[in-house]
């Protein structure tokens, strides 16, 4: 899936931006490799953040699409905020 996202981003924005996005995502994944105590709940919010940035880069490369292309960005952003609130902040304030 990451490969497909990378190829699409490369086709839309060019090599430099797509390799920067891929390197950022890979370095984030590798930062968790040495720690065996990393929990699953920390992966969803950051992955959704990378998806939001991916979609934002696609939208930035195609400014002529209008408002209809901004709806997916809003959905991903809202989903990311809700998952972050539920997984990271709920247990701190209500758990």
C-alpha atoms as a PDB file:
ATOM      1  CA  UNK A   1       0.000   0.000   0.000  1.00  0.00           C
ATOM      2  CA  UNK A   2       2.813   2.406   0.843  1.00  0.00           C
ATOM      3  CA  UNK A   3       4.366   1.592  -2.525  1.00  0.00           C
ATOM      4  CA  UNK A   4       1.127   2.426  -4.322  1.00  0.00           C
ATOM      5  CA  UNK A   5       0.803   5.702  -2.400  1.00  0.00           C
ATOM      6  CA  UNK A   6       4.412   6.533  -3.247  1.00  0.00           C
ATOM      7  CA  UNK A   7       3.961   5.818  -6.962  1.00  0.00           C
ATOM      8  CA  UNK A   8       0.815   7.950  -7.129  1.00  0.00           C
ATOM      9  CA  UNK A   9       2.513  10.781  -5.289  1.00  0.00           C
ATOM     10  CA  UNK A  10       5.514  10.550  -7.630  1.00  0.00           C
ATOM     11  CA  UNK A  11       3.228  10.753 -10.652  1.00  0.00           C
ATOM     12  CA  UNK A  12       1.406  13.794  -9.271  1.00  0.00           C
ATOM     13  CA  UNK A  13       4.141  15.819  -7.563  1.00  0.00           C
ATOM     14  CA  UNK A  14       7.456  14.588  -8.922  1.00  0.00           C
ATOM     15  CA  UNK A  15      10.357  12.671  -7.495  1.00  0.00           C
ATOM     16  CA  UNK A  16      11.629  15.088  -4.846  1.00  0.00           C
ATOM     17  CA  UNK A  17       8.399  15.458  -2.897  1.00  0.00           C
ATOM     18  CA  UNK A  18       7.485  11.785  -3.161  1.00  0.00           C
ATOM     19  CA  UNK A  19      10.897  10.624  -1.912  1.00  0.00           C
ATOM     20  CA  UNK A  20      10.710  13.102   0.957  1.00  0.00           C
ATOM     21  CA  UNK A  21       7.298  11.725   1.989  1.00  0.00           C
ATOM     22  CA  UNK A  22       8.506   8.113   1.688  1.00  0.00           C
ATOM     23  CA  UNK A  23      11.698   8.808   3.643  1.00  0.00           C
ATOM     24  CA  UNK A  24       9.715  10.534   6.396  1.00  0.00           C
ATOM     25  CA  UNK A  25       7.325   7.614   6.680  1.00  0.00           C
ATOM     26  CA  UNK A  26      10.141   5.058   6.635  1.00  0.00           C
ATOM     27  CA  UNK A  27      12.147   6.910   9.296  1.00  0.00           C
ATOM     28  CA  UNK A  28       9.054   7.144  11.497  1.00  0.00           C
ATOM     29  CA  UNK A  29       8.543   3.381  11.165  1.00  0.00           C
ATOM     30  CA  UNK A  30      12.212   2.657  11.856  1.00  0.00           C
ATOM     31  CA  UNK A  31      12.164   4.801  14.992  1.00  0.00           C
ATOM     32  CA  UNK A  32       9.900   2.182  16.592  1.00  0.00           C
ATOM     33  CA  UNK A  33      12.013  -0.813  15.527  1.00  0.00           C
ATOM     34  CA  UNK A  34      14.441  -0.955  18.497  1.00  0.00           C
ATOM     35  CA  UNK A  35      11.727  -0.717  21.152  1.00  0.00           C
ATOM     36  CA  UNK A  36       9.754  -3.885  21.802  1.00  0.00           C
ATOM     37  CA  UNK A  37       7.396  -2.047  24.166  1.00  0.00           C
ATOM     38  CA  UNK A  38       5.704   0.060  21.510  1.00  0.00           C
ATOM     39  CA  UNK A  39       1.988  -0.443  21.585  1.00  0.00           C
ATOM     40  CA  UNK A  40      -0.309  -0.784  18.616  1.00  0.00           C
ATOM     41  CA  UNK A  41      -2.378   2.275  19.532  1.00  0.00           C
ATOM     42  CA  UNK A  42       0.445   4.653  18.651  1.00  0.00           C
ATOM     43  CA  UNK A  43       0.551   3.633  14.996  1.00  0.00           C
ATOM     44  CA  UNK A  44      -2.933   4.635  13.811  1.00  0.00           C
ATOM     45  CA  UNK A  45      -2.772   8.375  14.561  1.00  0.00           C
ATOM     46  CA  UNK A  46       0.633   8.860  12.944  1.00  0.00           C
ATOM     47  CA  UNK A  47      -0.310   6.764   9.912  1.00  0.00           C
ATOM     48  CA  UNK A  48      -3.404   8.885   9.445  1.00  0.00           C
ATOM     49  CA  UNK A  49      -1.281  12.017   9.738  1.00  0.00           C
ATOM     50  CA  UNK A  50       0.927  10.711   6.915  1.00  0.00           C
ATOM     51  CA  UNK A  51      -2.211  10.002   4.858  1.00  0.00           C
ATOM     52  CA  UNK A  52      -3.450  13.538   5.493  1.00  0.00           C
ATOM     53  CA  UNK A  53      -0.123  14.950   4.322  1.00  0.00           C
ATOM     54  CA  UNK A  54      -0.163  12.629   1.302  1.00  0.00           C
ATOM     55  CA  UNK A  55      -3.597  13.869   0.288  1.00  0.00           C
ATOM     56  CA  UNK A  56      -2.600  17.468   0.939  1.00  0.00           C
ATOM     57  CA  UNK A  57       0.393  17.075  -1.379  1.00  0.00           C
ATOM     58  CA  UNK A  58      -1.853  15.585  -4.074  1.00  0.00           C
ATOM     59  CA  UNK A  59      -4.356  18.443  -3.710  1.00  0.00           C
ATOM     60  CA  UNK A  60      -1.570  21.007  -3.829  1.00  0.00           C
ATOM     61  CA  UNK A  61      -0.314  19.554  -7.088  1.00  0.00           C
ATOM     62  CA  UNK A  62      -3.825  19.777  -8.620  1.00  0.00           C
ATOM     63  CA  UNK A  63      -5.278  23.156  -7.599  1.00  0.00           C
ATOM     64  CA  UNK A  64      -7.849  23.181 -10.419  1.00  0.00           C
ATOM     65  CA  UNK A  65     -10.032  20.451  -8.869  1.00  0.00           C
ATOM     66  CA  UNK A  66     -12.157  22.772  -6.747  1.00  0.00           C
ATOM     67  CA  UNK A  67     -13.963  22.122  -3.474  1.00  0.00           C
ATOM     68  CA  UNK A  68     -14.989  18.501  -4.143  1.00  0.00           C
ATOM     69  CA  UNK A  69     -11.389  17.314  -3.773  1.00  0.00           C
ATOM     70  CA  UNK A  70     -11.090  18.920  -0.343  1.00  0.00           C
ATOM     71  CA  UNK A  71     -13.772  16.726   1.200  1.00  0.00           C
ATOM     72  CA  UNK A  72     -11.467  13.666   1.511  1.00  0.00           C
ATOM     73  CA  UNK A  73      -8.902  15.819   3.300  1.00  0.00           C
ATOM     74  CA  UNK A  74     -11.556  16.912   5.780  1.00  0.00           C
ATOM     75  CA  UNK A  75     -12.681  13.330   6.354  1.00  0.00           C
ATOM     76  CA  UNK A  76      -9.118  12.095   6.956  1.00  0.00           C
ATOM     77  CA  UNK A  77      -8.333  15.015   9.245  1.00  0.00           C
ATOM     78  CA  UNK A  78     -11.497  14.485  11.279  1.00  0.00           C
ATOM     79  CA  UNK A  79     -10.802  10.760  11.531  1.00  0.00           C
ATOM     80  CA  UNK A  80      -7.248  11.395  12.640  1.00  0.00           C
ATOM     81  CA  UNK A  81      -8.323  13.850  15.338  1.00  0.00           C
ATOM     82  CA  UNK A  82     -10.994  11.467  16.656  1.00  0.00           C
ATOM     83  CA  UNK A  83      -8.632   8.485  16.786  1.00  0.00           C
ATOM     84  CA  UNK A  84      -5.969  10.583  18.513  1.00  0.00           C
ATOM     85  CA  UNK A  85      -8.463  11.813  21.084  1.00  0.00           C
ATOM     86  CA  UNK A  86      -9.745   8.310  21.760  1.00  0.00           C
ATOM     87  CA  UNK A  87      -6.410   6.484  21.866  1.00  0.00           C
ATOM     88  CA  UNK A  88      -4.083   9.034  23.405  1.00  0.00           C
ATOM     89  CA  UNK A  89      -6.140  11.468  25.429  1.00  0.00           C
ATOM     90  CA  UNK A  90      -9.154   9.489  26.633  1.00  0.00           C
ATOM     91  CA  UNK A  91      -7.173   7.369  29.089  1.00  0.00           C
ATOM     92  CA  UNK A  92      -5.338  10.397  30.453  1.00  0.00           C
ATOM     93  CA  UNK A  93      -8.439  12.417  31.246  1.00  0.00           C
ATOM     94  CA  UNK A  94     -11.182   9.816  31.697  1.00  0.00           C
ATOM     95  CA  UNK A  95      -9.407   6.521  32.359  1.00  0.00           C
END
